[in-house]
C-alpha atoms as a PDB file:
ATOM      1  CA  UNK A   1    -160.195 -19.410-119.034  1.00  0.00           C
ATOM      2  CA  UNK A   2    -163.063 -18.621-116.684  1.00  0.00           C
ATOM      3  CA  UNK A   3    -166.463 -20.167-117.297  1.00  0.00           C
ATOM      4  CA  UNK A   4    -169.602 -19.401-115.332  1.00  0.00           C
ATOM      5  CA  UNK A   5    -172.040 -22.164-114.471  1.00  0.00           C
ATOM      6  CA  UNK A   6    -175.347 -20.353-113.939  1.00  0.00           C
ATOM      7  CA  UNK A   7    -177.408 -20.601-110.783  1.00  0.00           C
ATOM      8  CA  UNK A   8    -180.300 -23.045-110.916  1.00  0.00           C
ATOM      9  CA  UNK A   9    -183.307 -22.536-108.685  1.00  0.00           C
ATOM     10  CA  UNK A  10    -186.112 -25.040-108.453  1.00  0.00           C
ATOM     11  CA  UNK A  11    -188.674 -23.854-105.897  1.00  0.00           C
ATOM     12  CA  UNK A  12    -190.025 -26.205-103.264  1.00  0.00           C
ATOM     13  CA  UNK A  13    -193.761 -26.667-103.235  1.00  0.00           C
ATOM     14  CA  UNK A  14    -196.282 -28.438-101.069  1.00  0.00           C
ATOM     15  CA  UNK A  15    -199.728 -29.708-101.963  1.00  0.00           C
ATOM     16  CA  UNK A  16    -202.289 -30.748 -99.390  1.00  0.00           C
ATOM     17  CA  UNK A  17    -203.946 -34.073-100.075  1.00  0.00           C
ATOM     18  CA  UNK A  18    -206.515 -36.065 -98.079  1.00  0.00           C
ATOM     19  CA  UNK A  19    -203.697 -38.433 -97.109  1.00  0.00           C
ATOM     20  CA  UNK A  20    -201.102 -35.846 -96.131  1.00  0.00           C
ATOM     21  CA  UNK A  21    -198.894 -33.171 -97.601  1.00  0.00           C
ATOM     22  CA  UNK A  22    -197.120 -33.969-100.855  1.00  0.00           C
ATOM     23  CA  UNK A  23    -193.758 -32.217-100.966  1.00  0.00           C
ATOM     24  CA  UNK A  24    -192.022 -31.439-104.232  1.00  0.00           C
ATOM     25  CA  UNK A  25    -188.443 -30.770-103.150  1.00  0.00           C
ATOM     26  CA  UNK A  26    -186.705 -27.668-104.351  1.00  0.00           C
ATOM     27  CA  UNK A  27    -183.048 -27.183-105.055  1.00  0.00           C
ATOM     28  CA  UNK A  28    -180.772 -24.191-105.302  1.00  0.00           C
ATOM     29  CA  UNK A  29    -177.481 -24.558-107.117  1.00  0.00           C
ATOM     30  CA  UNK A  30    -175.462 -21.386-106.792  1.00  0.00           C
ATOM     31  CA  UNK A  31    -173.653 -19.761-109.667  1.00  0.00           C
ATOM     32  CA  UNK A  32    -170.101 -21.093-109.961  1.00  0.00           C
ATOM     33  CA  UNK A  33    -167.081 -19.611-111.631  1.00  0.00           C
ATOM     34  CA  UNK A  34    -164.677 -22.304-112.790  1.00  0.00           C
ATOM     35  CA  UNK A  35    -161.369 -22.435-114.575  1.00  0.00           C
ATOM     36  CA  UNK A  36    -161.288 -24.587-117.673  1.00  0.00           C
ATOM     37  CA  UNK A  37    -158.618 -25.366-120.234  1.00  0.00           C
ATOM     38  CA  UNK A  38    -160.498 -25.359-123.542  1.00  0.00           C
ATOM     39  CA  UNK A  39    -157.584 -27.091-125.316  1.00  0.00           C
ATOM     40  CA  UNK A  40    -157.793 -29.959-122.808  1.00  0.00           C
ATOM     41  CA  UNK A  41    -161.570 -30.208-123.301  1.00  0.00           C
ATOM     42  CA  UNK A  42    -161.123 -30.252-127.081  1.00  0.00           C
ATOM     43  CA  UNK A  43    -158.496 -33.011-126.800  1.00  0.00           C
ATOM     44  CA  UNK A  44    -160.743 -35.088-124.515  1.00  0.00           C
ATOM     45  CA  UNK A  45    -163.707 -34.712-126.864  1.00  0.00           C
ATOM     46  CA  UNK A  46    -161.516 -35.755-129.798  1.00  0.00           C
ATOM     47  CA  UNK A  47    -160.320 -38.816-127.836  1.00  0.00           C
ATOM     48  CA  UNK A  48    -163.944 -39.679-126.975  1.00  0.00           C
ATOM     49  CA  UNK A  49    -164.878 -39.421-130.671  1.00  0.00           C
ATOM     50  CA  UNK A  50    -161.920 -41.628-131.604  1.00  0.00           C
ATOM     51  CA  UNK A  51    -162.897 -44.423-129.206  1.00  0.00           C
ATOM     52  CA  UNK A  52    -166.628 -44.101-130.015  1.00  0.00           C
ATOM     53  CA  UNK A  53    -165.846 -45.429-133.489  1.00  0.00           C
ATOM     54  CA  UNK A  54    -164.708 -48.661-131.788  1.00  0.00           C
ATOM     55  CA  UNK A  55    -167.940 -49.134-129.848  1.00  0.00           C
ATOM     56  CA  UNK A  56    -169.455 -52.590-130.055  1.00  0.00           C
ATOM     57  CA  UNK A  57    -173.062 -51.576-130.741  1.00  0.00           C
ATOM     58  CA  UNK A  58    -174.636 -54.241-132.982  1.00  0.00           C
ATOM     59  CA  UNK A  59    -178.083 -53.775-131.437  1.00  0.00           C
ATOM     60  CA  UNK A  60    -178.560 -50.066-130.783  1.00  0.00           C
ATOM     61  CA  UNK A  61    -176.187 -48.799-133.493  1.00  0.00           C
ATOM     62  CA  UNK A  62    -175.516 -46.026-130.951  1.00  0.00           C
ATOM     63  CA  UNK A  63    -171.761 -45.392-130.688  1.00  0.00           C
ATOM     64  CA  UNK A  64    -170.675 -43.625-127.508  1.00  0.00           C
ATOM     65  CA  UNK A  65    -167.214 -42.588-126.364  1.00  0.00           C
ATOM     66  CA  UNK A  66    -165.864 -41.170-123.122  1.00  0.00           C
ATOM     67  CA  UNK A  67    -162.486 -39.770-122.142  1.00  0.00           C
ATOM     68  CA  UNK A  68    -161.524 -38.535-118.713  1.00  0.00           C
ATOM     69  CA  UNK A  69    -158.730 -37.294-116.503  1.00  0.00           C
ATOM     70  CA  UNK A  70    -158.647 -38.128-112.824  1.00  0.00           C
ATOM     71  CA  UNK A  71    -158.000 -35.417-110.221  1.00  0.00           C
ATOM     72  CA  UNK A  72    -155.865 -37.748-108.120  1.00  0.00           C
ATOM     73  CA  UNK A  73    -153.588 -38.750-111.026  1.00  0.00           C
ATOM     74  CA  UNK A  74    -150.557 -36.458-111.057  1.00  0.00           C
ATOM     75  CA  UNK A  75    -149.628 -37.619-114.575  1.00  0.00           C
ATOM     76  CA  UNK A  76    -153.083 -36.602-115.948  1.00  0.00           C
ATOM     77  CA  UNK A  77    -153.329 -39.794-118.014  1.00  0.00           C
ATOM     78  CA  UNK A  78    -156.379 -39.916-120.264  1.00  0.00           C
ATOM     79  CA  UNK A  79    -158.618 -42.937-119.688  1.00  0.00           C
ATOM     80  CA  UNK A  80    -161.123 -43.656-122.426  1.00  0.00           C
ATOM     81  CA  UNK A  81    -163.808 -46.146-123.273  1.00  0.00           C
ATOM     82  CA  UNK A  82    -166.619 -46.962-125.645  1.00  0.00           C
ATOM     83  CA  UNK A  83    -169.897 -48.760-125.091  1.00  0.00           C
ATOM     84  CA  UNK A  84    -169.879 -52.553-125.340  1.00  0.00           C
ATOM     85  CA  UNK A  85    -173.275 -54.152-125.935  1.00  0.00           C
ATOM     86  CA  UNK A  86    -174.257 -57.752-125.263  1.00  0.00           C
ATOM     87  CA  UNK A  87    -177.126 -60.005-126.356  1.00  0.00           C
ATOM     88  CA  UNK A  88    -177.993 -60.144-122.668  1.00  0.00           C
ATOM     89  CA  UNK A  89    -178.696 -56.422-122.319  1.00  0.00           C
ATOM     90  CA  UNK A  90    -177.850 -56.461-118.606  1.00  0.00           C
ATOM     91  CA  UNK A  91    -174.255 -57.313-119.516  1.00  0.00           C
ATOM     92  CA  UNK A  92    -173.918 -54.184-121.658  1.00  0.00           C
ATOM     93  CA  UNK A  93    -171.441 -51.570-120.441  1.00  0.00           C
ATOM     94  CA  UNK A  94    -171.660 -47.886-121.304  1.00  0.00           C
ATOM     95  CA  UNK A  95    -168.682 -45.833-122.471  1.00  0.00           C
ATOM     96  CA  UNK A  96    -168.646 -43.686-119.335  1.00  0.00           C
ATOM     97  CA  UNK A  97    -168.415 -46.703-117.051  1.00  0.00           C
ATOM     98  CA  UNK A  98    -165.803 -48.369-119.252  1.00  0.00           C
ATOM     99  CA  UNK A  99    -163.531 -45.324-118.886  1.00  0.00           C
ATOM    100  CA  UNK A 100    -164.243 -44.832-115.171  1.00  0.00           C
ATOM    101  CA  UNK A 101    -163.679 -48.505-114.345  1.00  0.00           C
ATOM    102  CA  UNK A 102    -160.327 -48.383-116.170  1.00  0.00           C
ATOM    103  CA  UNK A 103    -159.268 -45.386-114.096  1.00  0.00           C
ATOM    104  CA  UNK A 104    -160.502 -47.023-110.904  1.00  0.00           C
ATOM    105  CA  UNK A 105    -158.618 -50.228-111.762  1.00  0.00           C
ATOM    106  CA  UNK A 106    -155.473 -48.092-112.028  1.00  0.00           C
ATOM    107  CA  UNK A 107    -156.091 -46.870-108.462  1.00  0.00           C
ATOM    108  CA  UNK A 108    -157.694 -43.485-109.080  1.00  0.00           C
ATOM    109  CA  UNK A 109    -160.901 -42.373-107.393  1.00  0.00           C
ATOM    110  CA  UNK A 110    -161.890 -38.826-108.375  1.00  0.00           C
ATOM    111  CA  UNK A 111    -162.772 -37.586-111.854  1.00  0.00           C
ATOM    112  CA  UNK A 112    -161.494 -34.099-112.673  1.00  0.00           C
ATOM    113  CA  UNK A 113    -163.198 -33.883-116.066  1.00  0.00           C
ATOM    114  CA  UNK A 114    -165.026 -36.359-118.277  1.00  0.00           C
ATOM    115  CA  UNK A 115    -165.887 -35.729-121.924  1.00  0.00           C
ATOM    116  CA  UNK A 116    -168.672 -37.646-123.647  1.00  0.00           C
ATOM    117  CA  UNK A 117    -169.754 -38.022-127.238  1.00  0.00           C
ATOM    118  CA  UNK A 118    -172.546 -39.814-129.035  1.00  0.00           C
ATOM    119  CA  UNK A 119    -171.273 -39.672-132.588  1.00  0.00           C
ATOM    120  CA  UNK A 120    -174.582 -40.937-133.990  1.00  0.00           C
ATOM    121  CA  UNK A 121    -176.664 -38.156-132.410  1.00  0.00           C
ATOM    122  CA  UNK A 122    -174.409 -35.116-132.118  1.00  0.00           C
ATOM    123  CA  UNK A 123    -177.108 -32.716-133.279  1.00  0.00           C
ATOM    124  CA  UNK A 124    -179.780 -34.159-130.972  1.00  0.00           C
ATOM    125  CA  UNK A 125    -181.072 -32.215-127.968  1.00  0.00           C
ATOM    126  CA  UNK A 126    -179.105 -32.726-124.753  1.00  0.00           C
ATOM    127  CA  UNK A 127    -181.312 -35.593-123.449  1.00  0.00           C
ATOM    128  CA  UNK A 128    -180.312 -37.603-126.544  1.00  0.00           C
ATOM    129  CA  UNK A 129    -176.603 -37.106-125.792  1.00  0.00           C
ATOM    130  CA  UNK A 130    -176.341 -37.162-122.011  1.00  0.00           C
ATOM    131  CA  UNK A 131    -175.415 -40.103-119.761  1.00  0.00           C
ATOM    132  CA  UNK A 132    -177.954 -42.703-118.718  1.00  0.00           C
ATOM    133  CA  UNK A 133    -179.076 -42.863-115.095  1.00  0.00           C
ATOM    134  CA  UNK A 134    -176.662 -45.654-114.155  1.00  0.00           C
ATOM    135  CA  UNK A 135    -173.722 -43.734-115.606  1.00  0.00           C
ATOM    136  CA  UNK A 136    -174.797 -40.541-113.840  1.00  0.00           C
ATOM    137  CA  UNK A 137    -174.705 -42.418-110.555  1.00  0.00           C
ATOM    138  CA  UNK A 138    -171.289 -43.954-111.308  1.00  0.00           C
ATOM    139  CA  UNK A 139    -169.942 -40.520-112.287  1.00  0.00           C
ATOM    140  CA  UNK A 140    -171.318 -39.207-108.971  1.00  0.00           C
ATOM    141  CA  UNK A 141    -169.566 -42.008-107.063  1.00  0.00           C
ATOM    142  CA  UNK A 142    -166.205 -41.011-108.559  1.00  0.00           C
ATOM    143  CA  UNK A 143    -166.661 -37.246-108.343  1.00  0.00           C
ATOM    144  CA  UNK A 144    -166.335 -34.315-106.023  1.00  0.00           C
ATOM    145  CA  UNK A 145    -167.693 -30.763-106.151  1.00  0.00           C
ATOM    146  CA  UNK A 146    -165.052 -29.807-108.732  1.00  0.00           C
ATOM    147  CA  UNK A 147    -165.747 -32.640-111.204  1.00  0.00           C
ATOM    148  CA  UNK A 148    -166.822 -31.369-114.631  1.00  0.00           C
ATOM    149  CA  UNK A 149    -168.784 -33.075-117.411  1.00  0.00           C
ATOM    150  CA  UNK A 150    -168.292 -31.930-121.025  1.00  0.00           C
ATOM    151  CA  UNK A 151    -170.881 -33.234-123.494  1.00  0.00           C
ATOM    152  CA  UNK A 152    -170.006 -33.032-127.190  1.00  0.00           C
ATOM    153  CA  UNK A 153    -172.464 -31.111-129.353  1.00  0.00           C
ATOM    154  CA  UNK A 154    -170.938 -31.515-132.784  1.00  0.00           C
ATOM    155  CA  UNK A 155    -172.152 -28.005-133.541  1.00  0.00           C
ATOM    156  CA  UNK A 156    -170.054 -25.717-135.700  1.00  0.00           C
ATOM    157  CA  UNK A 157    -168.031 -23.492-133.419  1.00  0.00           C
ATOM    158  CA  UNK A 158    -169.490 -25.075-130.247  1.00  0.00           C
ATOM    159  CA  UNK A 159    -166.995 -27.068-128.199  1.00  0.00           C
ATOM    160  CA  UNK A 160    -169.338 -28.665-125.657  1.00  0.00           C
ATOM    161  CA  UNK A 161    -172.078 -28.287-123.122  1.00  0.00           C
ATOM    162  CA  UNK A 162    -170.382 -28.075-119.725  1.00  0.00           C
ATOM    163  CA  UNK A 163    -171.782 -28.809-116.289  1.00  0.00           C
ATOM    164  CA  UNK A 164    -170.736 -29.985-112.869  1.00  0.00           C
ATOM    165  CA  UNK A 165    -172.029 -33.181-111.285  1.00  0.00           C
ATOM    166  CA  UNK A 166    -174.696 -31.381-109.259  1.00  0.00           C
ATOM    167  CA  UNK A 167    -176.206 -30.059-112.483  1.00  0.00           C
ATOM    168  CA  UNK A 168    -175.951 -33.508-114.100  1.00  0.00           C
ATOM    169  CA  UNK A 169    -177.504 -35.356-111.146  1.00  0.00           C
ATOM    170  CA  UNK A 170    -179.059 -32.867-108.712  1.00  0.00           C
ATOM    171  CA  UNK A 171    -180.276 -35.380-106.121  1.00  0.00           C
ATOM    172  CA  UNK A 172    -177.582 -38.000-106.608  1.00  0.00           C
ATOM    173  CA  UNK A 173    -177.244 -40.720-103.994  1.00  0.00           C
ATOM    174  CA  UNK A 174    -173.977 -41.205-102.145  1.00  0.00           C
ATOM    175  CA  UNK A 175    -173.713 -43.867 -99.447  1.00  0.00           C
ATOM    176  CA  UNK A 176    -171.612 -42.753 -96.500  1.00  0.00           C
ATOM    177  CA  UNK A 177    -169.432 -39.659 -96.232  1.00  0.00           C
ATOM    178  CA  UNK A 178    -169.736 -36.876 -98.772  1.00  0.00           C
ATOM    179  CA  UNK A 179    -166.754 -36.480-101.066  1.00  0.00           C
END
């Protein structure tokens, strides 16, 4: 089925200050028409929900699951992961990174689609269900222009909120050549 990602326009602005011009960068993301298999998205979201139950979240009580398919995997194997917390918070690993690192360890490098769920906050606004900054950057590292992110809403009759990586992380850093 065809899905349309709407154009996003953030205008650039400049403000004169006594110390020089302050630039607020703009960004234009063009409208994109994409093909999506809603049955695949539904299956990935269900897999993410299944693994979220296994999250080790004794501190936050925030259970997150991720399931993905890699573009460079001809078998379209589903890699999944849940968040794993640690008393030393720096050693905590998010669900998105758990799934991505599993796929990378299997030799794959480009996410085709990743589905995410936060089963404890499904009815929260998008900021309460979307990836943290570190995970956004890791998703960016393993993505290309066609990579899609499906975020579970838990809403009746609503499958997900869908975006591409540029809409998830508009000014994402990538060291070296663009993918």
